[in-house]
């Protein structure tokens, strides 16, 4: 009995496996496949309470029902083991998803994939099969529904041509450099044929354009050449670049204006025992060359403070944020302004920083325009001081003369009061 039962159970297990295979082949549940719990319940019901081999009355009752052979025949007919594709007999691999066939498109059959029908390869039952193939020129297997296989291969080979073009040297595009000039223009979209479509033999065209990248935490501001496979995308990028140019040119004009050289009223002073120069309330601890401000600027400032007094108003020529010359007289500094502005132009428009040699040459020539007011201001100040001193001395002498007369009057004339003394001497 034990051998019979074991044989029946093995047959039931084989029936289960066959049902699974048929369902996968048909891609639908054509036959009942019992789960573990369902199978246990089915067997227990047929054991009818038997707990030992010797108690089993009908062993055949434990056998699962056979598969309907008519249905099995239809499944096998609609989903055969092999089919013919492009004149070659190939094995069909049935999976839980789409059935698949593997075909090698290399050697003499390298271009056969172009002959695949647009509707794809279908089984006798009407189901479409998937292609899993190696194609000459591609280093990996390509898998796609058979109706989409040609377009998939086309996409891969055209992308290979694009990648080759992108990595190779491309036609030159005139890219504007920053800072822009006032006559900068963004060139039109450039077309370049880099290959032909592997399916249609149509030309593959790349579209080159100037792209603008704004300054950010991750990237610096720049214009650069970029290539696209779509004209619409290239035109969109070019439009953004064109829109940036007027803004940049306005900024350029503002920078040029600020750096052309202008006169500003300033307050000059000095602080502390070390005579630190002070400009507009800001003390300068380092009197060396700074930015475009020459070291002699601070010497002149201190001289003017010494000559004209602390907290005096003065006038300075600025180049951008940097003072370069200081005068006490607006009229005199206006006289040298045109020449200084011409000298400033040798440094450029201010959009780039001059190098050390350019700065040294600029400062050397600028010294010709240093103020001559320090001596004049000191002379005037000394004259004012001398006049003040003379006035104070005269006042002191007058006071002493009055006192002397009063003393003498007190001794020689018997005056009753100080008022009488003032009246006597007409004071």
Foldseek 3Di string as FASTA:
>chain_A
DVVLLVVLVVQQVVQLVVQVVLCLLQLHNPDDRDDPVRLVVQQVVQQVPDDDPVSRDDSNSSHDDHDDVVVVVVSCQQRPQWDADLNRIWGWAGDNDFIETEDECDDPNQPVLLVADLVADHGNNGGWHWYWYDHPPDPHTDIDTRNCVVVVVQVVVVVVLVVVQVPDDDDDADFAWPPHDPPDDWDDWDKDFRAAGPRPRHTQIKIKGWAWDDPDPVDHTGIDIDIDSDPVVRVVRRVVVRVVVVVSNVVLVVLLVLQLKDKDKWWWAFDDPVGFIAINNRTDPDLPDDQLAHSVQRVLSSLCCVLAHHRAIWMFIDRRPYTHAIGRDPVLVVVCRVVLSVLSCVCPSRSDRRDPVSSVVSNVVCVVSHDPCSVVSNVVVVVVVVVVVVVVVVVVVVVVVVVVQQVVCVVPPPDPDVVVSCVVVVD
